[in-house]
C-alpha atoms as a PDB file:
ATOM      1  CA  MET A   1     -16.247 -21.857  14.603  1.00  0.00           C
ATOM      2  CA  THR A   2     -17.295 -18.627  16.268  1.00  0.00           C
ATOM      3  CA  SER A   3     -14.860 -16.069  17.627  1.00  0.00           C
ATOM      4  CA  SER A   4     -15.888 -17.005  21.188  1.00  0.00           C
ATOM      5  CA  SER A   5     -14.684 -20.589  20.632  1.00  0.00           C
ATOM      6  CA  LYS A   6     -11.453 -19.749  18.856  1.00  0.00           C
ATOM      7  CA  PRO A   7      -8.196 -21.165  20.213  1.00  0.00           C
ATOM      8  CA  ALA A   8      -6.058 -18.946  22.404  1.00  0.00           C
ATOM      9  CA  THR A   9      -3.250 -18.509  19.844  1.00  0.00           C
ATOM     10  CA  GLN A  10      -4.448 -16.141  17.157  1.00  0.00           C
ATOM     11  CA  ILE A  11      -2.967 -14.219  14.243  1.00  0.00           C
ATOM     12  CA  ARG A  12      -3.864 -10.637  15.057  1.00  0.00           C
ATOM     13  CA  VAL A  13      -4.802  -8.661  11.939  1.00  0.00           C
ATOM     14  CA  LEU A  14      -5.379  -4.965  11.280  1.00  0.00           C
ATOM     15  CA  LEU A  15      -7.330  -3.961   8.159  1.00  0.00           C
ATOM     16  CA  ALA A  16      -6.624  -0.600   6.488  1.00  0.00           C
ATOM     17  CA  GLU A  17      -9.125   0.178   3.725  1.00  0.00           C
ATOM     18  CA  ASP A  18     -11.024   3.397   3.003  1.00  0.00           C
ATOM     19  CA  GLN A  19     -14.074   1.656   1.501  1.00  0.00           C
ATOM     20  CA  THR A  20     -16.153   0.920   4.582  1.00  0.00           C
ATOM     21  CA  MET A  21     -18.353  -1.781   3.096  1.00  0.00           C
ATOM     22  CA  LEU A  22     -15.410  -3.739   1.717  1.00  0.00           C
ATOM     23  CA  ARG A  23     -13.408  -3.367   4.915  1.00  0.00           C
ATOM     24  CA  GLU A  24     -16.242  -4.600   7.107  1.00  0.00           C
ATOM     25  CA  ALA A  25     -16.991  -7.479   4.747  1.00  0.00           C
ATOM     26  CA  LEU A  26     -13.354  -8.587   4.861  1.00  0.00           C
ATOM     27  CA  ALA A  27     -13.333  -8.318   8.637  1.00  0.00           C
ATOM     28  CA  GLY A  28     -16.418 -10.506   8.860  1.00  0.00           C
ATOM     29  CA  LEU A  29     -14.952 -13.147   6.559  1.00  0.00           C
ATOM     30  CA  LEU A  30     -11.580 -13.235   8.295  1.00  0.00           C
ATOM     31  CA  ASP A  31     -13.177 -13.504  11.725  1.00  0.00           C
ATOM     32  CA  LEU A  32     -14.737 -16.783  10.565  1.00  0.00           C
ATOM     33  CA  GLU A  33     -11.256 -18.279  10.337  1.00  0.00           C
ATOM     34  CA  PRO A  34     -10.360 -20.288  13.458  1.00  0.00           C
ATOM     35  CA  ASP A  35      -6.851 -18.877  13.813  1.00  0.00           C
ATOM     36  CA  ILE A  36      -7.355 -15.246  12.693  1.00  0.00           C
ATOM     37  CA  THR A  37      -8.785 -12.307  14.632  1.00  0.00           C
ATOM     38  CA  VAL A  38      -9.269  -8.789  13.260  1.00  0.00           C
ATOM     39  CA  VAL A  39      -8.198  -6.573  16.148  1.00  0.00           C
ATOM     40  CA  ALA A  40      -8.698  -3.181  14.461  1.00  0.00           C
ATOM     41  CA  GLN A  41      -9.913  -1.449  11.297  1.00  0.00           C
ATOM     42  CA  ALA A  42      -8.631   1.818   9.824  1.00  0.00           C
ATOM     43  CA  SER A  43     -10.063   4.001   7.072  1.00  0.00           C
ATOM     44  CA  ASN A  44      -6.812   5.826   6.248  1.00  0.00           C
ATOM     45  CA  GLY A  45      -3.065   5.470   6.630  1.00  0.00           C
ATOM     46  CA  LEU A  46      -2.597   7.801   9.580  1.00  0.00           C
ATOM     47  CA  GLU A  47      -5.365   6.107  11.535  1.00  0.00           C
ATOM     48  CA  ALA A  48      -3.740   2.763  10.720  1.00  0.00           C
ATOM     49  CA  LEU A  49      -0.421   3.909  12.221  1.00  0.00           C
ATOM     50  CA  LYS A  50      -2.130   4.969  15.447  1.00  0.00           C
ATOM     51  CA  LEU A  51      -4.041   1.689  15.705  1.00  0.00           C
ATOM     52  CA  ILE A  52      -0.914  -0.353  14.979  1.00  0.00           C
ATOM     53  CA  ARG A  53       0.802   1.254  17.959  1.00  0.00           C
ATOM     54  CA  LEU A  54      -2.269   0.630  20.114  1.00  0.00           C
ATOM     55  CA  HIS A  55      -3.078  -2.969  19.122  1.00  0.00           C
ATOM     56  CA  THR A  56       0.310  -4.339  17.927  1.00  0.00           C
ATOM     57  CA  PRO A  57      -1.128  -6.605  15.204  1.00  0.00           C
ATOM     58  CA  ASP A  58       0.907  -9.429  13.683  1.00  0.00           C
ATOM     59  CA  VAL A  59      -0.238  -8.748  10.126  1.00  0.00           C
ATOM     60  CA  ILE A  60      -1.544  -5.602   8.427  1.00  0.00           C
ATOM     61  CA  VAL A  61      -3.715  -5.919   5.334  1.00  0.00           C
ATOM     62  CA  THR A  62      -3.818  -2.581   3.531  1.00  0.00           C
ATOM     63  CA  ASP A  63      -5.013  -1.056   0.289  1.00  0.00           C
ATOM     64  CA  ILE A  64      -2.572   1.019  -1.761  1.00  0.00           C
ATOM     65  CA  GLU A  65      -4.615   4.164  -2.321  1.00  0.00           C
ATOM     66  CA  MET A  66      -5.959   5.608   0.923  1.00  0.00           C
ATOM     67  CA  PRO A  67      -6.449   9.122   2.324  1.00  0.00           C
ATOM     68  CA  GLU A  68      -3.760  10.726   4.503  1.00  0.00           C
ATOM     69  CA  LYS A  69      -1.126   8.044   3.830  1.00  0.00           C
ATOM     70  CA  THR A  70      -0.987   5.345   1.142  1.00  0.00           C
ATOM     71  CA  GLY A  71      -0.515   1.669   1.874  1.00  0.00           C
ATOM     72  CA  LEU A  72       2.979   1.832   0.374  1.00  0.00           C
ATOM     73  CA  GLU A  73       3.894   4.779   2.615  1.00  0.00           C
ATOM     74  CA  LEU A  74       2.463   2.894   5.590  1.00  0.00           C
ATOM     75  CA  ALA A  75       4.605  -0.159   4.771  1.00  0.00           C
ATOM     76  CA  ALA A  76       7.704   2.010   4.363  1.00  0.00           C
ATOM     77  CA  ASP A  77       7.073   3.761   7.707  1.00  0.00           C
ATOM     78  CA  LEU A  78       6.758   0.420   9.488  1.00  0.00           C
ATOM     79  CA  LYS A  79       9.942  -0.881   7.843  1.00  0.00           C
ATOM     80  CA  GLN A  80      11.862   2.232   8.847  1.00  0.00           C
ATOM     81  CA  SER A  81      10.606   2.044  12.438  1.00  0.00           C
ATOM     82  CA  GLY A  82      11.653  -1.593  12.766  1.00  0.00           C
ATOM     83  CA  SER A  83       8.114  -2.817  13.364  1.00  0.00           C
ATOM     84  CA  LYS A  84       7.697  -6.600  13.504  1.00  0.00           C
ATOM     85  CA  ALA A  85       4.241  -6.377  11.935  1.00  0.00           C
ATOM     86  CA  ARG A  86       4.129  -7.878   8.444  1.00  0.00           C
ATOM     87  CA  VAL A  87       2.302  -6.102   5.638  1.00  0.00           C
ATOM     88  CA  ILE A  88       0.095  -7.509   2.885  1.00  0.00           C
ATOM     89  CA  ILE A  89      -1.011  -5.166   0.103  1.00  0.00           C
ATOM     90  CA  LEU A  90      -4.555  -5.911  -1.073  1.00  0.00           C
ATOM     91  CA  THR A  91      -5.340  -3.956  -4.226  1.00  0.00           C
ATOM     92  CA  THR A  92      -7.033  -3.764  -7.612  1.00  0.00           C
ATOM     93  CA  PHE A  93      -3.721  -2.832  -9.277  1.00  0.00           C
ATOM     94  CA  ALA A  94      -2.291  -5.820 -11.149  1.00  0.00           C
ATOM     95  CA  ARG A  95       0.707  -3.762 -12.247  1.00  0.00           C
ATOM     96  CA  PRO A  96       4.323  -4.840 -11.830  1.00  0.00           C
ATOM     97  CA  GLY A  97       5.405  -1.317 -10.900  1.00  0.00           C
ATOM     98  CA  TYR A  98       3.181  -1.333  -7.827  1.00  0.00           C
ATOM     99  CA  LEU A  99       4.383  -4.784  -6.808  1.00  0.00           C
ATOM    100  CA  ARG A 100       8.041  -3.776  -7.033  1.00  0.00           C
ATOM    101  CA  ARG A 101       7.387  -0.646  -4.991  1.00  0.00           C
ATOM    102  CA  ALA A 102       5.456  -2.674  -2.409  1.00  0.00           C
ATOM    103  CA  LEU A 103       8.287  -5.183  -1.970  1.00  0.00           C
ATOM    104  CA  ASP A 104      10.847  -2.375  -1.801  1.00  0.00           C
ATOM    105  CA  ALA A 105       8.727  -0.766   0.937  1.00  0.00           C
ATOM    106  CA  GLY A 106       8.886  -3.966   2.967  1.00  0.00           C
ATOM    107  CA  ALA A 107       5.541  -5.608   2.166  1.00  0.00           C
ATOM    108  CA  ARG A 108       5.554  -9.401   2.475  1.00  0.00           C
ATOM    109  CA  GLY A 109       2.428 -10.024   0.423  1.00  0.00           C
ATOM    110  CA  TYR A 110       0.664  -8.592  -2.610  1.00  0.00           C
ATOM    111  CA  LEU A 111      -2.820  -9.837  -3.495  1.00  0.00           C
ATOM    112  CA  LEU A 112      -5.578  -8.681  -5.825  1.00  0.00           C
ATOM    113  CA  LYS A 113      -9.046  -7.891  -4.508  1.00  0.00           C
ATOM    114  CA  GLU A 114     -10.611 -10.093  -7.163  1.00  0.00           C
ATOM    115  CA  ARG A 115      -9.205 -13.237  -5.521  1.00  0.00           C
ATOM    116  CA  PRO A 116     -11.299 -15.377  -3.105  1.00  0.00           C
ATOM    117  CA  ALA A 117     -11.275 -14.492   0.585  1.00  0.00           C
ATOM    118  CA  SER A 118      -9.840 -17.937   1.347  1.00  0.00           C
ATOM    119  CA  GLU A 119      -6.664 -16.912  -0.490  1.00  0.00           C
ATOM    120  CA  LEU A 120      -6.324 -13.849   1.716  1.00  0.00           C
ATOM    121  CA  ALA A 121      -6.620 -15.986   4.843  1.00  0.00           C
ATOM    122  CA  GLU A 122      -3.953 -18.355   3.535  1.00  0.00           C
ATOM    123  CA  ALA A 123      -1.731 -15.411   2.603  1.00  0.00           C
ATOM    124  CA  ILE A 124      -2.043 -14.070   6.158  1.00  0.00           C
ATOM    125  CA  ARG A 125      -0.905 -17.430   7.504  1.00  0.00           C
ATOM    126  CA  ARG A 126       2.038 -17.599   5.091  1.00  0.00           C
ATOM    127  CA  VAL A 127       3.201 -14.071   5.827  1.00  0.00           C
ATOM    128  CA  HIS A 128       2.792 -14.580   9.565  1.00  0.00           C
ATOM    129  CA  SER A 129       5.022 -17.664   9.346  1.00  0.00           C
ATOM    130  CA  GLY A 130       7.762 -15.637   7.634  1.00  0.00           C
ATOM    131  CA  LEU A 131       7.028 -16.506   4.000  1.00  0.00           C
ATOM    132  CA  ARG A 132       5.905 -14.286   1.116  1.00  0.00           C
ATOM    133  CA  ALA A 133       2.496 -14.334  -0.537  1.00  0.00           C
ATOM    134  CA  VAL A 134       2.718 -12.886  -4.048  1.00  0.00           C
ATOM    135  CA  ASP A 135       0.962 -13.946  -7.235  1.00  0.00           C
ATOM    136  CA  PRO A 136       3.671 -15.849  -9.196  1.00  0.00           C
ATOM    137  CA  ALA A 137       2.651 -14.524 -12.618  1.00  0.00           C
ATOM    138  CA  LEU A 138       2.648 -10.928 -11.418  1.00  0.00           C
ATOM    139  CA  ALA A 139       5.977 -11.428  -9.654  1.00  0.00           C
ATOM    140  CA  ALA A 140       7.600 -12.761 -12.838  1.00  0.00           C
ATOM    141  CA  GLU A 141       6.226  -9.825 -14.806  1.00  0.00           C
ATOM    142  CA  ALA A 142       7.467  -7.355 -12.195  1.00  0.00           C
ATOM    143  CA  TRP A 143      11.106  -8.397 -12.390  1.00  0.00           C
ATOM    144  CA  SER A 144      11.143  -8.188 -16.183  1.00  0.00           C
ATOM    145  CA  ALA A 145       9.379  -4.813 -16.315  1.00  0.00           C
ATOM    146  CA  ASP A 146      11.043  -1.429 -16.813  1.00  0.00           C
ATOM    147  CA  GLU A 147      12.706   0.153 -13.793  1.00  0.00           C
ATOM    148  CA  ASP A 148      10.839   2.984 -12.104  1.00  0.00           C
ATOM    149  CA  PRO A 149      12.747   6.142 -13.156  1.00  0.00           C
ATOM    150  CA  LEU A 150      11.144   8.454 -10.586  1.00  0.00           C
ATOM    151  CA  SER A 151      12.778   9.466  -7.339  1.00  0.00           C
ATOM    152  CA  ASP A 152      10.660   9.411  -4.178  1.00  0.00           C
ATOM    153  CA  ARG A 153      10.488  13.217  -4.169  1.00  0.00           C
ATOM    154  CA  GLU A 154       9.487  13.386  -7.847  1.00  0.00           C
ATOM    155  CA  ARG A 155       6.766  10.824  -7.230  1.00  0.00           C
ATOM    156  CA  GLN A 156       5.579  12.679  -4.132  1.00  0.00           C
ATOM    157  CA  ILE A 157       5.253  15.959  -6.033  1.00  0.00           C
ATOM    158  CA  LEU A 158       3.780  14.441  -9.202  1.00  0.00           C
ATOM    159  CA  GLN A 159       1.159  12.651  -7.087  1.00  0.00           C
ATOM    160  CA  ARG A 160       0.032  15.921  -5.573  1.00  0.00           C
ATOM    161  CA  ALA A 161       0.141  17.751  -8.898  1.00  0.00           C
ATOM    162  CA  SER A 162      -2.013  15.038 -10.491  1.00  0.00           C
ATOM    163  CA  ASN A 163      -4.659  15.729  -7.852  1.00  0.00           C
ATOM    164  CA  GLY A 164      -4.897  19.342  -9.012  1.00  0.00           C
ATOM    165  CA  ARG A 165      -2.619  20.905  -6.396  1.00  0.00           C
ATOM    166  CA  SER A 166      -0.756  24.040  -7.464  1.00  0.00           C
ATOM    167  CA  SER A 167       3.022  24.354  -7.228  1.00  0.00           C
ATOM    168  CA  ALA A 168       2.541  26.915  -4.471  1.00  0.00           C
ATOM    169  CA  ASP A 169       0.349  24.545  -2.427  1.00  0.00           C
ATOM    170  CA  ILE A 170       2.777  21.669  -2.878  1.00  0.00           C
ATOM    171  CA  ALA A 171       5.726  23.869  -1.949  1.00  0.00           C
ATOM    172  CA  ALA A 172       4.006  25.026   1.244  1.00  0.00           C
ATOM    173  CA  GLU A 173       3.106  21.485   2.295  1.00  0.00           C
ATOM    174  CA  LEU A 174       6.534  20.012   1.618  1.00  0.00           C
ATOM    175  CA  ARG A 175       8.451  23.090   2.789  1.00  0.00           C
ATOM    176  CA  LEU A 176      10.142  23.624  -0.551  1.00  0.00           C
ATOM    177  CA  SER A 177      10.389  26.645  -2.824  1.00  0.00           C
ATOM    178  CA  GLU A 178       8.015  26.877  -5.780  1.00  0.00           C
ATOM    179  CA  GLY A 179      11.013  26.821  -8.087  1.00  0.00           C
ATOM    180  CA  THR A 180      12.205  23.547  -6.568  1.00  0.00           C
ATOM    181  CA  VAL A 181       8.746  22.000  -7.011  1.00  0.00           C
ATOM    182  CA  ARG A 182       8.660  23.093 -10.649  1.00  0.00           C
ATOM    183  CA  ASN A 183      12.124  21.631 -11.196  1.00  0.00           C
ATOM    184  CA  TYR A 184      11.077  18.272  -9.760  1.00  0.00           C
ATOM    185  CA  LEU A 185       7.994  18.268 -11.985  1.00  0.00           C
ATOM    186  CA  SER A 186      10.102  19.110 -15.030  1.00  0.00           C
ATOM    187  CA  GLU A 187      12.475  16.260 -14.206  1.00  0.00           C
ATOM    188  CA  ALA A 188       9.586  13.808 -13.829  1.00  0.00           C
ATOM    189  CA  ILE A 189       8.014  14.938 -17.105  1.00  0.00           C
ATOM    190  CA  ALA A 190      11.356  14.558 -18.923  1.00  0.00           C
ATOM    191  CA  LYS A 191      12.088  11.115 -17.469  1.00  0.00           C
ATOM    192  CA  LEU A 192       8.664   9.836 -18.544  1.00  0.00           C
ATOM    193  CA  GLY A 193       8.806  11.424 -21.989  1.00  0.00           C
ATOM    194  CA  ALA A 194       5.552  13.201 -21.217  1.00  0.00           C
ATOM    195  CA  ALA A 195       4.044  16.348 -22.687  1.00  0.00           C
ATOM    196  CA  ASN A 196       3.054  17.892 -19.349  1.00  0.00           C
ATOM    197  CA  ARG A 197       2.332  17.036 -15.715  1.00  0.00           C
ATOM    198  CA  VAL A 198      -1.074  15.515 -16.534  1.00  0.00           C
ATOM    199  CA  ASP A 199       0.458  13.268 -19.182  1.00  0.00           C
ATOM    200  CA  ALA A 200       3.302  12.376 -16.819  1.00  0.00           C
ATOM    201  CA  ALA A 201       0.852  11.333 -14.106  1.00  0.00           C
ATOM    202  CA  ARG A 202      -1.098   9.222 -16.619  1.00  0.00           C
ATOM    203  CA  ILE A 203       2.039   7.401 -17.773  1.00  0.00           C
ATOM    204  CA  ALA A 204       3.275   6.850 -14.220  1.00  0.00           C
ATOM    205  CA  ARG A 205      -0.079   5.494 -13.059  1.00  0.00           C
ATOM    206  CA  THR A 206      -0.294   3.124 -16.020  1.00  0.00           C
ATOM    207  CA  ARG A 207       3.121   1.696 -15.167  1.00  0.00           C
ATOM    208  CA  GLY A 208       2.382   1.487 -11.434  1.00  0.00           C
ATOM    209  CA  TRP A 209       4.975   4.121 -10.585  1.00  0.00           C
ATOM    210  CA  LEU A 210       2.577   6.605  -9.005  1.00  0.00           C
END
């Protein structure tokens, strides 16, 4: 069925993915579904927020790692604002730490990019109807995994430090003193039992905490 012959009642979807080829391929596949219409596409988290306000989609399908704002930050912003849009995380990260953070941020679905497109369409329908769409095996693993020891601020600073940002740069961006930034990094390193900030970032990423 072509989009021109679709029924009037549609599930309106926004795609947020920084890989253009993948995003456009997903949009093309989803638009083949009789009850789903992709109303907008975003290449980063900030653009996604603007387009969500403009198009009021029912469901947002977003990657985790994107420029400007991550998919988890996007989900948290929507939860805090009281948005009725439901979020599905579509990612390569099959890590329980990421899943737990996604659910805590308000996401209703968590799918892996390796799964067939038909599963994404079905997940969109489930989430739109008020249900969850999470891989059962990954969900079971998530609730038996270690708790994330990092605070939001520690994670925020460690993320920036892992990208090569200096303490001075991070302090200026977050409006903190350099000493405060260094203290947060020291706390994160200690909590993770790491040798330094690089090692801390590696451990946190492996566990899905960063």
